[in-house]
C-alpha cells in the first residue's frame, strides 16, 4: 500500500457518521440538521456562527472542547445568529467558557459577527469577496475576516483570531473553513458553494504536524504558515481538488486507536 492509498484508507475510516459524535463538528452540524421551514432563512447564519465559535475553542482534549461548547451554545439559545444580531451578548459577564476563552471574548466575536453580517450579509460572502482578485487565496479571506472582526470592536484585535501576515498557521480558522467548505460528507458540512475546496489549506495542529513529518510529508520544523503551505502542496499532489480531506486521515493516523483502525 503506497502513501496515497494509506491516506485514502484512513480518510474513509474517519469520514463516517460515528466520528461526528466524538468531534466538535457536531455543534455546527446540529444547526444544519435542525433546519426547518420556520428558520430556513437564518439556519445558514446559525451554522456559520457555530462553526467559527466552535473552532475557536477547539484546542485541548476533545471531550473538554465538547463540554465547553455545550456551555457556550447554551448561553446563546436556539439561534446563535439571533443572539448576535439582537445584541444579547451585552448581558454576558466574564465567566470562563474554555481555558483562556471567556465571556468577554464571546462578546468580542458577537460584535465582530454583527459587523460582518451588516457589511457582507454572510461570512461566506466575506470570504468569497476576498478570493475574487487574481492571485488571491484563503489567507486573504482570513485576513479580511480578522480586519472586519476588529472593525466591529473599535479596531481592537483578539488573540483568538490569528494573523496570517504574522506567519501563523491559523489552525482554528482553517478548521472552521474545512467544515463549511468541504462538500463530501458526512463529517464536513459543505454549506458554502462560492468557495472551492481546492482553495483550502490544512488546519495544522501539533498532532497533524507530527504525523505528517513521520510520513515524510512535511520537513519544516515549525507549525507555521510555511509549514501549512508545504504540507498542503504535498497533499494537492494526491487530490488537487480537495487537499484538506487528508486532515481527517492525518488525524486518524495520529490517534491510532482501535476505533480508527484502517480497513485492510
Protein backbone atom coordinates (compact mmCIF):
# COMPACT_ATOMS: atom_id res chain seq x y z
CA UNK A 1 0.00 0.00 0.00
CA UNK A 2 1.56 3.31 -1.07
CA UNK A 3 1.17 6.55 0.91
CA UNK A 4 -1.80 7.86 -1.08
CA UNK A 5 -3.63 4.56 -0.65
CA UNK A 6 -2.88 4.59 3.07
CA UNK A 7 -4.16 8.15 3.44
CA UNK A 8 -7.29 7.34 1.43
CA UNK A 9 -7.95 4.30 3.63
CA UNK A 10 -7.70 6.37 6.79
CA UNK A 11 -9.88 9.08 5.29
CA UNK A 12 -12.63 6.55 4.57
CA UNK A 13 -12.37 5.18 8.10
CA UNK A 14 -12.66 8.59 9.76
CA UNK A 15 -15.15 10.24 7.39
CA UNK A 16 -18.22 8.50 8.77
CA UNK A 17 -21.27 9.34 10.81
CA UNK A 18 -19.95 7.81 14.02
CA UNK A 19 -17.00 10.20 14.10
CA UNK A 20 -19.31 13.21 14.44
CA UNK A 21 -20.47 12.09 17.89
CA UNK A 22 -16.94 12.45 19.28
CA UNK A 23 -15.87 15.58 17.40
CA UNK A 24 -16.61 19.31 17.83
CA UNK A 25 -18.06 19.39 14.29
CA UNK A 26 -21.27 18.13 15.90
CA UNK A 27 -22.13 21.68 17.03
CA UNK A 28 -22.40 23.46 13.67
CA UNK A 29 -23.96 20.28 12.31
CA UNK A 30 -26.74 20.48 14.90
CA UNK A 31 -27.94 23.74 13.38
CA UNK A 32 -27.58 22.27 9.90
CA UNK A 33 -29.64 19.21 10.83
CA UNK A 34 -32.25 21.18 12.80
CA UNK A 35 -33.17 23.49 9.94
CA UNK A 36 -36.90 23.63 9.22
CA UNK A 37 -39.20 25.86 7.19
CA UNK A 38 -39.70 28.30 10.06
CA UNK A 39 -36.00 29.01 10.40
CA UNK A 40 -34.85 28.34 6.86
CA UNK A 41 -33.93 31.99 6.33
CA UNK A 42 -31.39 32.04 9.17
CA UNK A 43 -30.14 28.49 9.64
CA UNK A 44 -27.19 29.16 7.33
CA UNK A 45 -26.05 32.02 9.57
CA UNK A 46 -26.55 29.83 12.65
CA UNK A 47 -24.23 27.23 11.11
CA UNK A 48 -21.61 29.83 10.19
CA UNK A 49 -21.56 31.38 13.67
CA UNK A 50 -21.50 27.96 15.33
CA UNK A 51 -18.66 26.75 13.10
CA UNK A 52 -16.37 29.69 13.85
CA UNK A 53 -17.13 29.76 17.58
CA UNK A 54 -16.65 26.02 17.95
CA UNK A 55 -13.39 26.09 16.01
CA UNK A 56 -12.04 28.98 18.06
CA UNK A 57 -12.23 26.91 21.25
CA UNK A 58 -11.06 23.70 19.55
CA UNK A 59 -7.82 23.14 21.39
CA UNK A 60 -7.10 20.66 24.15
CA UNK A 61 -8.80 17.33 24.80
CA UNK A 62 -11.82 16.76 22.60
CA UNK A 63 -14.09 15.78 25.49
CA UNK A 64 -13.26 19.08 27.20
CA UNK A 65 -13.88 21.03 23.99
CA UNK A 66 -17.28 19.38 23.60
CA UNK A 67 -18.24 20.11 27.20
CA UNK A 68 -17.19 23.74 26.84
CA UNK A 69 -19.06 24.10 23.54
CA UNK A 70 -22.23 22.80 25.19
CA UNK A 71 -21.96 25.61 27.72
CA UNK A 72 -21.16 28.20 25.06
CA UNK A 73 -24.22 27.44 22.94
CA UNK A 74 -26.46 27.10 25.99
CA UNK A 75 -25.66 30.77 26.62
CA UNK A 76 -26.73 31.69 23.08
CA UNK A 77 -30.10 29.94 22.98
CA UNK A 78 -31.71 28.23 19.99
CA UNK A 79 -30.29 30.62 17.37
CA UNK A 80 -26.68 31.86 17.70
CA UNK A 81 -27.27 34.28 14.81
CA UNK A 82 -30.32 35.80 16.52
CA UNK A 83 -28.31 36.09 19.76
CA UNK A 84 -25.64 38.04 17.85
CA UNK A 85 -27.93 40.34 15.91
CA UNK A 86 -30.25 41.09 18.85
CA UNK A 87 -27.29 42.22 20.94
CA UNK A 88 -27.97 39.68 23.68
CA UNK A 89 -24.22 39.37 24.21
CA UNK A 90 -24.40 42.64 26.14
CA UNK A 91 -25.77 40.64 29.09
CA UNK A 92 -22.68 38.44 29.27
CA UNK A 93 -20.32 38.84 32.19
CA UNK A 94 -16.80 37.40 32.06
CA UNK A 95 -17.06 33.81 33.18
CA UNK A 96 -14.71 31.26 31.70
CA UNK A 97 -16.04 29.33 28.71
CA UNK A 98 -12.98 27.29 27.69
CA UNK A 99 -9.46 27.67 29.04
CA UNK A 100 -8.41 31.22 28.01
CA UNK A 101 -11.69 31.97 26.20
CA UNK A 102 -14.08 33.98 28.41
CA UNK A 103 -17.50 35.57 28.01
CA UNK A 104 -15.74 38.84 27.15
CA UNK A 105 -14.15 37.02 24.21
CA UNK A 106 -17.54 35.70 23.15
CA UNK A 107 -18.88 39.26 23.24
CA UNK A 108 -15.94 40.34 21.04
CA UNK A 109 -16.88 37.70 18.47
CA UNK A 110 -20.53 38.69 18.57
CA UNK A 111 -19.72 42.35 17.93
CA UNK A 112 -17.41 41.30 15.11
CA UNK A 113 -20.01 38.99 13.59
CA UNK A 114 -22.56 41.82 13.61
CA UNK A 115 -20.12 43.91 11.58
CA UNK A 116 -19.51 41.04 9.15
CA UNK A 117 -23.21 40.38 8.58
CA UNK A 118 -24.16 44.03 8.23
CA UNK A 119 -21.42 44.62 5.65
CA UNK A 120 -21.40 41.33 3.72
CA UNK A 121 -24.68 39.56 4.51
CA UNK A 122 -22.89 36.30 5.30
CA UNK A 123 -19.47 35.05 6.29
CA UNK A 124 -19.42 33.13 3.03
CA UNK A 125 -19.77 36.37 1.09
CA UNK A 126 -16.96 37.93 3.11
CA UNK A 127 -14.55 35.13 2.26
CA UNK A 128 -15.61 34.77 -1.36
CA UNK A 129 -15.15 38.52 -1.90
CA UNK A 130 -11.54 38.20 -0.76
CA UNK A 131 -10.93 35.43 -3.30
CA UNK A 132 -12.17 37.36 -6.32
CA UNK A 133 -8.87 39.08 -7.16
CA UNK A 134 -6.36 37.22 -9.37
CA UNK A 135 -3.70 35.56 -7.27
CA UNK A 136 -5.69 35.74 -4.05
CA UNK A 137 -6.04 32.79 -1.70
CA UNK A 138 -7.59 31.61 1.51
CA UNK A 139 -5.08 33.64 3.56
CA UNK A 140 -6.59 36.80 2.06
CA UNK A 141 -10.00 35.68 3.27
CA UNK A 142 -8.67 35.07 6.77
CA UNK A 143 -7.00 38.50 6.77
CA UNK A 144 -10.25 40.20 5.70
CA UNK A 145 -12.19 38.30 8.35
CA UNK A 146 -9.70 39.37 11.02
CA UNK A 147 -9.85 43.01 9.95
CA UNK A 148 -13.65 43.07 9.79
CA UNK A 149 -13.94 41.47 13.22
CA UNK A 150 -11.58 44.13 14.59
CA UNK A 151 -13.59 46.88 12.88
CA UNK A 152 -16.63 45.69 14.84
CA UNK A 153 -14.62 46.12 18.03
CA UNK A 154 -13.30 49.67 17.63
CA UNK A 155 -10.20 48.47 15.82
CA UNK A 156 -9.10 46.09 18.56
CA UNK A 157 -7.71 42.66 17.68
CA UNK A 158 -8.04 39.47 19.70
CA UNK A 159 -5.52 36.72 20.35
CA UNK A 160 -8.24 34.24 19.40
CA UNK A 161 -8.08 35.21 15.70
CA UNK A 162 -4.57 34.52 14.40
CA UNK A 163 -2.86 36.84 11.94
CA UNK A 164 -1.77 35.21 8.66
CA UNK A 165 0.53 38.17 7.97
CA UNK A 166 2.49 37.16 11.09
CA UNK A 167 3.07 33.69 9.56
CA UNK A 168 0.53 31.97 11.80
CA UNK A 169 -0.88 28.62 10.68
CA UNK A 170 -4.37 29.97 11.59
CA UNK A 171 -5.35 26.42 12.53
CA UNK A 172 -8.71 27.22 14.12
CA UNK A 173 -9.99 29.44 11.30
CA UNK A 174 -8.84 26.88 8.73
CA UNK A 175 -10.71 24.20 10.68
CA UNK A 176 -13.93 26.21 10.51
CA UNK A 177 -13.37 26.69 6.79
CA UNK A 178 -12.85 22.97 6.27
CA UNK A 179 -16.17 22.26 7.95
CA UNK A 180 -18.06 24.88 5.94
CA UNK A 181 -16.49 24.38 2.51
CA UNK A 182 -15.72 20.68 2.01
CA UNK A 183 -18.63 19.07 0.18
CA UNK A 184 -18.03 15.38 0.72
CA UNK A 185 -19.88 14.39 3.89
CA UNK A 186 -20.87 13.09 6.27
CA UNK A 187 -18.40 14.86 8.60
CA UNK A 188 -17.92 18.19 6.84
CA UNK A 189 -20.92 20.38 6.07
CA UNK A 190 -20.44 21.66 2.51
CA UNK A 191 -22.59 24.69 3.28
CA UNK A 192 -20.57 27.21 1.25
CA UNK A 193 -20.76 26.93 -2.53
CA UNK A 194 -18.85 30.06 -3.60
CA UNK A 195 -15.54 28.94 -2.07
CA UNK A 196 -13.87 25.94 -3.69
CA UNK A 197 -12.48 23.06 -1.61
CA UNK A 198 -9.38 23.36 -3.79
CA UNK A 199 -8.65 26.70 -2.10
CA UNK A 200 -8.50 25.21 1.39
CA UNK A 201 -5.32 24.53 3.35
CA UNK A 202 -4.66 22.04 6.13
CA UNK A 203 -5.68 23.07 9.69
CA UNK A 204 -2.23 22.30 11.09
CA UNK A 205 -2.00 21.38 14.76
CA UNK A 206 0.65 19.60 16.79
CA UNK A 207 -0.65 16.09 16.13
CA UNK A 208 -1.22 16.53 12.40
CA UNK A 209 2.22 18.11 12.05
CA UNK A 210 3.88 15.27 13.92
CA UNK A 211 2.17 12.64 11.78
CA UNK A 212 2.96 14.48 8.55
CA UNK A 213 6.65 14.64 9.46
CA UNK A 214 6.72 10.95 10.32
CA UNK A 215 5.27 10.17 6.89
CA UNK A 216 7.76 12.43 5.09
CA UNK A 217 5.07 14.88 4.01
CA UNK A 218 6.49 17.81 5.97
CA UNK A 219 10.09 18.86 6.53
CA UNK A 220 9.63 22.24 8.17
CA UNK A 221 10.03 22.04 11.96
CA UNK A 222 7.72 24.89 12.97
CA UNK A 223 3.93 24.59 12.74
CA UNK A 224 3.52 27.93 10.96
CA UNK A 225 2.07 29.25 7.72
CA UNK A 226 5.01 27.99 5.65
CA UNK A 227 4.51 24.51 7.09
CA UNK A 228 0.81 24.65 6.19
CA UNK A 229 1.70 25.62 2.63
CA UNK A 230 4.36 22.92 2.34
CA UNK A 231 2.07 20.18 3.64
CA UNK A 232 -0.93 21.32 1.61
CA UNK A 233 1.18 21.39 -1.56
CA UNK A 234 2.19 17.75 -0.96
CA UNK A 235 -1.41 16.73 -0.36
CA UNK A 236 -2.55 18.54 -3.52
CA UNK A 237 -0.43 16.04 -5.44
CA UNK A 238 -2.78 13.34 -4.13
CA UNK A 239 -6.05 15.29 -4.52
CA UNK A 240 -5.73 18.73 -6.13
CA UNK A 241 -9.46 19.42 -5.97
CA UNK A 242 -9.76 18.67 -2.23
CA UNK A 243 -6.43 18.54 -0.35
CA UNK A 244 -7.96 19.32 3.06
CA UNK A 245 -9.73 15.94 3.07
CA UNK A 246 -6.48 14.46 4.33
CA UNK A 247 -6.74 16.42 7.56
CA UNK A 248 -9.14 13.68 8.66
CA UNK A 249 -6.70 10.98 7.57
CA UNK A 250 -3.72 12.54 9.34
CA UNK A 251 -5.82 12.94 12.48
CA UNK A 252 -6.81 9.28 12.40
CA UNK A 253 -3.27 8.10 11.80
CA UNK A 254 -2.05 10.26 14.68
CA UNK A 255 -4.67 8.96 17.11
CA UNK A 256 -4.09 5.37 16.04
CA UNK A 257 -6.70 3.79 18.31
CA UNK A 258 -8.56 0.58 17.68
CA UNK A 259 -11.67 2.65 16.95
CA UNK A 260 -9.96 4.08 13.90
CA UNK A 261 -8.07 1.02 12.68
CA UNK A 262 -7.88 1.35 8.89
CA UNK A 263 -9.52 -1.26 6.69
CA UNK A 264 -7.30 -3.90 5.12
